Protein backbone atom coordinates (compact mmCIF):
# COMPACT_ATOMS: atom_id res chain seq x y z
CA MET A 1 -73.76 108.73 -84.61
CA GLY A 2 -74.53 107.25 -81.23
CA THR A 3 -72.22 105.98 -78.54
CA PHE A 4 -72.71 102.31 -79.46
CA GLN A 5 -72.11 102.91 -83.17
CA THR A 6 -68.99 104.96 -82.42
CA PHE A 7 -67.63 102.22 -80.18
CA LEU A 8 -68.24 99.53 -82.80
CA SER A 9 -66.54 101.53 -85.54
CA SER A 10 -63.54 102.35 -83.33
CA LYS A 11 -63.03 98.69 -82.43
CA SER A 12 -63.87 97.48 -85.99
CA ILE A 13 -66.68 95.19 -84.82
CA THR A 14 -69.70 94.53 -87.03
CA PRO A 15 -73.24 93.96 -85.74
CA LYS A 16 -73.37 90.67 -87.64
CA ALA A 17 -70.27 89.45 -85.77
CA ILE A 18 -71.93 90.39 -82.48
CA ALA A 19 -75.06 88.43 -83.46
CA ILE A 20 -73.00 85.36 -84.33
CA THR A 21 -70.97 85.55 -81.12
CA SER A 22 -74.11 86.09 -79.04
CA LYS A 23 -75.79 83.07 -80.60
CA ARG A 24 -72.73 80.94 -79.82
CA ILE A 25 -72.48 82.17 -76.22
CA GLU A 26 -76.17 81.97 -75.38
CA SER A 27 -76.88 78.60 -77.01
CA PHE A 28 -77.86 75.76 -74.72
CA ASP A 29 -75.26 73.53 -73.22
CA GLU A 30 -76.09 70.16 -71.70
CA THR A 31 -76.16 71.35 -68.08
CA SER A 32 -78.51 74.27 -68.81
CA ARG A 33 -80.85 72.03 -70.77
CA ASP A 34 -80.83 69.51 -67.92
CA LEU A 35 -81.56 72.21 -65.32
CA MET A 36 -84.46 73.56 -67.35
CA GLY A 37 -85.95 70.07 -67.54
CA LYS A 38 -85.60 69.55 -63.80
CA ARG A 39 -87.17 72.95 -63.07
CA TRP A 40 -90.07 72.11 -65.39
CA ASN A 41 -90.59 68.78 -63.59
CA LYS A 42 -90.55 70.58 -60.24
CA ARG A 43 -93.32 72.94 -61.33
CA HIS A 44 -95.50 70.21 -62.83
CA THR A 45 -95.22 67.58 -60.08
CA LYS A 46 -97.72 67.88 -57.24
CA GLU A 47 -95.25 66.81 -54.54
CA THR A 48 -92.64 69.41 -55.43
CA ALA A 49 -94.81 72.24 -56.75
CA ASP A 50 -94.93 74.07 -53.42
CA LYS A 51 -91.21 73.67 -52.63
CA LYS A 52 -88.61 76.27 -53.52
CA TYR A 53 -85.89 75.72 -56.11
CA ALA A 54 -83.20 76.20 -53.46
CA GLU A 55 -84.62 73.33 -51.38
CA LEU A 56 -84.26 71.00 -54.36
CA ASN A 57 -80.80 72.35 -55.32
CA LEU A 58 -82.03 73.60 -58.70
CA ALA A 59 -80.06 76.65 -59.81
CA LYS A 60 -80.99 78.91 -62.70
CA PRO A 61 -79.52 77.85 -66.03
CA THR A 62 -76.68 80.04 -67.26
CA GLN A 63 -77.85 80.02 -70.88
CA TYR A 64 -81.38 80.43 -72.16
CA GLY A 65 -80.81 79.36 -75.75
CA ARG A 66 -81.46 82.61 -77.54
CA GLY A 67 -78.84 85.10 -78.62
CA VAL A 68 -79.43 88.68 -79.67
CA SER A 69 -80.94 89.16 -83.14
CA GLU A 70 -79.70 91.43 -85.90
CA LYS A 71 -82.94 93.41 -85.64
CA GLN A 72 -82.25 94.14 -81.98
CA LEU A 73 -78.68 95.10 -82.83
CA ALA A 74 -79.91 97.46 -85.56
CA ALA A 75 -82.11 99.17 -82.98
CA ALA A 76 -79.19 99.45 -80.56
CA VAL A 77 -76.96 100.94 -83.27
CA LYS A 78 -79.63 103.59 -83.98
CA ASP A 79 -79.73 104.39 -80.24
CA ALA A 80 -83.31 103.19 -79.98
CA PRO A 81 -84.20 101.89 -76.52
CA VAL A 82 -83.65 98.14 -76.08
CA THR A 83 -84.41 96.04 -73.02
CA ARG A 84 -81.91 95.42 -70.24
CA LYS A 85 -81.69 91.72 -71.13
CA VAL A 86 -80.76 92.55 -74.74
CA ARG A 87 -78.21 95.08 -73.53
CA GLY A 88 -76.68 92.44 -71.30
CA LYS A 89 -76.42 89.95 -74.14
CA ILE A 90 -74.81 92.56 -76.38
CA LEU A 91 -72.35 93.48 -73.64
CA LYS A 92 -71.46 89.83 -73.05
CA ALA A 93 -70.83 89.23 -76.77
CA VAL A 94 -68.76 92.41 -77.18
CA ASN A 95 -66.63 91.55 -74.15
CA VAL A 96 -65.95 88.06 -75.51
CA MET A 97 -64.86 89.56 -78.82
CA LEU A 98 -62.64 92.15 -77.13
CA THR A 99 -60.91 89.64 -74.87
CA LYS A 100 -60.20 87.45 -77.90
CA LYS A 101 -58.46 90.45 -79.48
CA GLY A 102 -56.46 90.97 -76.29
CA GLU A 103 -58.23 94.18 -75.29
CA PRO A 104 -59.78 94.84 -71.87
CA ALA A 105 -63.49 94.21 -71.30
CA VAL A 106 -65.83 97.21 -71.28
CA ASP A 107 -68.64 98.42 -69.04
CA MET A 108 -72.31 98.89 -69.92
CA LYS A 109 -71.93 102.67 -69.59
CA VAL A 110 -69.24 102.74 -72.27
CA LEU A 111 -71.54 101.05 -74.79
CA PHE A 112 -74.87 102.70 -74.03
CA GLU A 113 -74.02 106.06 -72.49
CA GLY A 114 -76.99 108.42 -72.58
CA VAL A 115 -79.47 105.91 -74.02
CA LYS A 116 -82.29 104.81 -71.75
CA ALA A 117 -83.37 101.18 -71.50
CA ARG A 118 -86.73 100.21 -72.95
CA VAL A 119 -89.35 99.82 -70.26
CA GLY A 120 -91.94 97.09 -70.54
CA LYS A 121 -95.55 97.11 -69.48
CA LYS A 122 -96.20 97.38 -65.79
CA PRO A 123 -98.20 94.52 -64.26
CA GLU A 124 -101.80 95.30 -63.53
CA THR A 125 -102.72 95.14 -59.88
CA ALA A 126 -106.12 93.95 -58.80
CA GLU A 127 -108.07 96.52 -56.85
CA LYS A 128 -108.57 95.57 -53.25
CA LYS A 129 -112.14 94.75 -52.28
CA LYS A 130 -113.40 96.40 -49.13
């Protein structure tokens, strides 16, 4: 049994409960939806396309609308590598559940000790012409 599975069993947390909590936490709220619309307009308007987000006071939205799936949680329970973003969402959901129970929040190392993060494809670089 891996570190994540051991932690879940010791705290009596199910992967399905983590998925539900993650979906609730990561779902869009009105401000995030509004910010995403404003950022889209900035990119698609000729006058503002070359300006930076900071110049227009457009921060990043706090939620992106997609929680962690049960398939991703099953991979994490089996100690298969998952991406850093998925790990972060799992950590956020677990910490919300723990604080509701009155227990202290945990660190990423406690959940995924010894398991490496999944690495994506590296971007291709164009060869320089001489």
